[in-house]
Amino acid sequence: MAKLQLLETFSLQETEDGYRLLVSAVGGEALYVSITPDQMDDIIESLEAAMGGEDDEGVEEDEAF
């Protein structure tokens, strides 16, 4: 099992095939990860669920768009 480390930095870049994520931990080396569009969708859904889901209450939509 991987050792849990504190996040120091991250960056996300779009590529031709999806995305490239750079993650580094405090006192650790940087790690590049290639992410497919489907995996990115799963990551976004997981983050939304962790943050309590999407909340559309109180948001007014502008019908001009």
N, C-alpha and C. Protein backbone atom coordinates (compact mmCIF):
# COMPACT_ATOMS: atom_id res chain seq x y z
N MET A 1 0.84 -1.18 0.00
CA MET A 1 0.00 0.00 0.00
C MET A 1 0.89 1.25 0.00
N ALA A 2 0.50 2.23 -0.77
CA ALA A 2 1.28 3.46 -0.88
C ALA A 2 1.20 4.27 0.41
N LYS A 3 2.30 4.94 0.72
CA LYS A 3 2.37 5.79 1.91
C LYS A 3 1.59 7.08 1.65
N LEU A 4 0.76 7.49 2.60
CA LEU A 4 0.00 8.73 2.49
C LEU A 4 0.94 9.91 2.74
N GLN A 5 0.97 10.84 1.79
CA GLN A 5 1.81 12.02 1.89
C GLN A 5 0.96 13.26 1.64
N LEU A 6 1.40 14.38 2.20
CA LEU A 6 0.69 15.65 2.00
C LEU A 6 0.95 16.19 0.61
N LEU A 7 -0.10 16.67 -0.05
CA LEU A 7 0.00 17.26 -1.37
C LEU A 7 0.74 18.59 -1.28
N GLU A 8 1.73 18.76 -2.15
CA GLU A 8 2.44 20.04 -2.21
C GLU A 8 1.94 20.86 -3.40
N THR A 9 1.97 20.28 -4.59
CA THR A 9 1.51 20.99 -5.78
C THR A 9 0.85 20.02 -6.74
N PHE A 10 0.04 20.58 -7.63
CA PHE A 10 -0.50 19.81 -8.75
C PHE A 10 -0.78 20.76 -9.90
N SER A 11 -0.75 20.22 -11.10
CA SER A 11 -1.15 20.99 -12.27
C SER A 11 -1.77 20.03 -13.27
N LEU A 12 -2.67 20.55 -14.05
CA LEU A 12 -3.39 19.75 -15.02
C LEU A 12 -3.27 20.42 -16.38
N GLN A 13 -2.90 19.63 -17.38
CA GLN A 13 -2.78 20.16 -18.73
C GLN A 13 -3.56 19.26 -19.68
N GLU A 14 -4.25 19.87 -20.64
CA GLU A 14 -4.96 19.10 -21.65
C GLU A 14 -3.97 18.65 -22.72
N THR A 15 -4.12 17.42 -23.17
CA THR A 15 -3.28 16.86 -24.22
C THR A 15 -4.18 16.39 -25.37
N GLU A 16 -3.57 15.92 -26.45
CA GLU A 16 -4.34 15.41 -27.58
C GLU A 16 -5.19 14.20 -27.19
N ASP A 17 -4.69 13.39 -26.25
CA ASP A 17 -5.36 12.15 -25.86
C ASP A 17 -6.15 12.26 -24.58
N GLY A 18 -6.15 13.41 -23.93
CA GLY A 18 -6.84 13.56 -22.65
C GLY A 18 -6.19 14.64 -21.81
N TYR A 19 -5.57 14.21 -20.71
CA TYR A 19 -4.99 15.16 -19.77
C TYR A 19 -3.70 14.61 -19.20
N ARG A 20 -2.86 15.53 -18.72
CA ARG A 20 -1.64 15.15 -18.02
C ARG A 20 -1.68 15.85 -16.66
N LEU A 21 -1.59 15.05 -15.62
CA LEU A 21 -1.64 15.56 -14.26
C LEU A 21 -0.25 15.43 -13.64
N LEU A 22 0.23 16.52 -13.07
CA LEU A 22 1.49 16.53 -12.34
C LEU A 22 1.17 16.70 -10.88
N VAL A 23 1.63 15.77 -10.05
CA VAL A 23 1.38 15.80 -8.61
C VAL A 23 2.70 15.66 -7.89
N SER A 24 2.89 16.46 -6.84
CA SER A 24 4.07 16.28 -6.00
C SER A 24 3.65 16.37 -4.54
N ALA A 25 4.30 15.56 -3.74
CA ALA A 25 4.04 15.53 -2.31
C ALA A 25 5.15 16.29 -1.58
N VAL A 26 4.83 16.75 -0.39
CA VAL A 26 5.82 17.45 0.43
C VAL A 26 7.00 16.50 0.66
N GLY A 27 8.18 16.94 0.26
CA GLY A 27 9.38 16.13 0.46
C GLY A 27 9.50 14.96 -0.50
N GLY A 28 8.64 14.89 -1.52
CA GLY A 28 8.68 13.77 -2.46
C GLY A 28 8.93 14.23 -3.87
N GLU A 29 9.06 13.27 -4.74
CA GLU A 29 9.28 13.57 -6.15
C GLU A 29 7.96 13.82 -6.86
N ALA A 30 8.04 14.51 -7.98
CA ALA A 30 6.86 14.77 -8.81
C ALA A 30 6.51 13.52 -9.60
N LEU A 31 5.21 13.37 -9.88
CA LEU A 31 4.71 12.23 -10.63
C LEU A 31 3.77 12.73 -11.71
N TYR A 32 4.03 12.37 -12.98
CA TYR A 32 3.13 12.69 -14.08
C TYR A 32 2.20 11.50 -14.29
N VAL A 33 0.92 11.78 -14.49
CA VAL A 33 -0.08 10.74 -14.74
C VAL A 33 -0.87 11.13 -15.98
N SER A 34 -1.03 10.19 -16.90
CA SER A 34 -1.84 10.40 -18.08
C SER A 34 -3.27 9.99 -17.75
N ILE A 35 -4.25 10.85 -18.09
CA ILE A 35 -5.64 10.61 -17.74
C ILE A 35 -6.49 10.68 -19.02
N THR A 36 -7.32 9.67 -19.24
CA THR A 36 -8.21 9.68 -20.39
C THR A 36 -9.40 10.58 -20.09
N PRO A 37 -10.13 11.01 -21.12
CA PRO A 37 -11.33 11.83 -20.87
C PRO A 37 -12.35 11.12 -19.98
N ASP A 38 -12.53 9.81 -20.15
CA ASP A 38 -13.46 9.06 -19.30
C ASP A 38 -13.00 9.04 -17.85
N GLN A 39 -11.70 8.89 -17.65
CA GLN A 39 -11.17 8.92 -16.28
C GLN A 39 -11.36 10.30 -15.66
N MET A 40 -11.19 11.36 -16.47
CA MET A 40 -11.38 12.72 -15.96
C MET A 40 -12.83 12.92 -15.54
N ASP A 41 -13.77 12.39 -16.32
CA ASP A 41 -15.18 12.47 -15.94
C ASP A 41 -15.42 11.78 -14.60
N ASP A 42 -14.79 10.61 -14.40
CA ASP A 42 -14.93 9.89 -13.14
C ASP A 42 -14.33 10.68 -11.97
N ILE A 43 -13.19 11.32 -12.21
CA ILE A 43 -12.56 12.14 -11.18
C ILE A 43 -13.46 13.31 -10.80
N ILE A 44 -14.03 13.97 -11.79
CA ILE A 44 -14.92 15.11 -11.54
C ILE A 44 -16.14 14.66 -10.74
N GLU A 45 -16.74 13.54 -11.14
CA GLU A 45 -17.89 13.01 -10.41
C GLU A 45 -17.54 12.68 -8.96
N SER A 46 -16.37 12.10 -8.74
CA SER A 46 -15.93 11.77 -7.39
C SER A 46 -15.73 13.03 -6.55
N LEU A 47 -15.13 14.06 -7.15
CA LEU A 47 -14.92 15.31 -6.43
C LEU A 47 -16.25 15.98 -6.09
N GLU A 48 -17.19 15.96 -7.03
CA GLU A 48 -18.50 16.54 -6.77
C GLU A 48 -19.21 15.80 -5.64
N ALA A 49 -19.11 14.48 -5.65
CA ALA A 49 -19.73 13.68 -4.59
C ALA A 49 -19.08 13.98 -3.24
N ALA A 50 -17.76 14.13 -3.23
CA ALA A 50 -17.05 14.42 -1.98
C ALA A 50 -17.40 15.80 -1.44
N MET A 51 -17.74 16.73 -2.34
CA MET A 51 -18.08 18.09 -1.95
C MET A 51 -19.57 18.27 -1.70
N GLY A 52 -20.34 17.19 -1.77
CA GLY A 52 -21.77 17.27 -1.50
C GLY A 52 -22.63 17.32 -2.74
N GLY A 53 -22.06 17.05 -3.90
CA GLY A 53 -22.83 17.03 -5.14
C GLY A 53 -23.03 18.41 -5.71
N GLU A 54 -23.67 18.42 -6.88
CA GLU A 54 -23.97 19.69 -7.52
C GLU A 54 -25.19 20.30 -6.87
N ASP A 55 -25.12 21.58 -6.58
CA ASP A 55 -26.21 22.28 -5.94
C ASP A 55 -26.71 23.37 -6.85
N ASP A 56 -27.86 23.14 -7.51
CA ASP A 56 -28.42 24.12 -8.43
C ASP A 56 -29.43 25.04 -7.77
N GLU A 57 -29.72 24.82 -6.49
CA GLU A 57 -30.70 25.66 -5.79
C GLU A 57 -30.20 27.08 -5.69
N GLY A 58 -31.09 28.01 -5.93
CA GLY A 58 -30.73 29.42 -5.80
C GLY A 58 -29.97 29.98 -6.97
N VAL A 59 -29.72 29.15 -7.99
CA VAL A 59 -29.01 29.62 -9.16
C VAL A 59 -30.03 29.92 -10.24
N GLU A 60 -30.02 31.17 -10.70
CA GLU A 60 -30.93 31.56 -11.75
C GLU A 60 -30.23 31.42 -13.09
N GLU A 61 -30.92 30.79 -14.04
CA GLU A 61 -30.36 30.65 -15.36
C GLU A 61 -30.72 31.85 -16.20
N ASP A 62 -29.77 32.32 -16.98
CA ASP A 62 -30.01 33.43 -17.89
C ASP A 62 -30.53 32.86 -19.20
N GLU A 63 -31.77 33.17 -19.54
CA GLU A 63 -32.40 32.61 -20.71
C GLU A 63 -31.80 33.15 -22.01
N ALA A 64 -30.97 34.17 -21.93
CA ALA A 64 -30.37 34.74 -23.13
C ALA A 64 -29.28 33.85 -23.67
N PHE A 65 -28.77 32.93 -22.87
CA PHE A 65 -27.67 32.07 -23.35
C PHE A 65 -28.18 30.81 -23.94
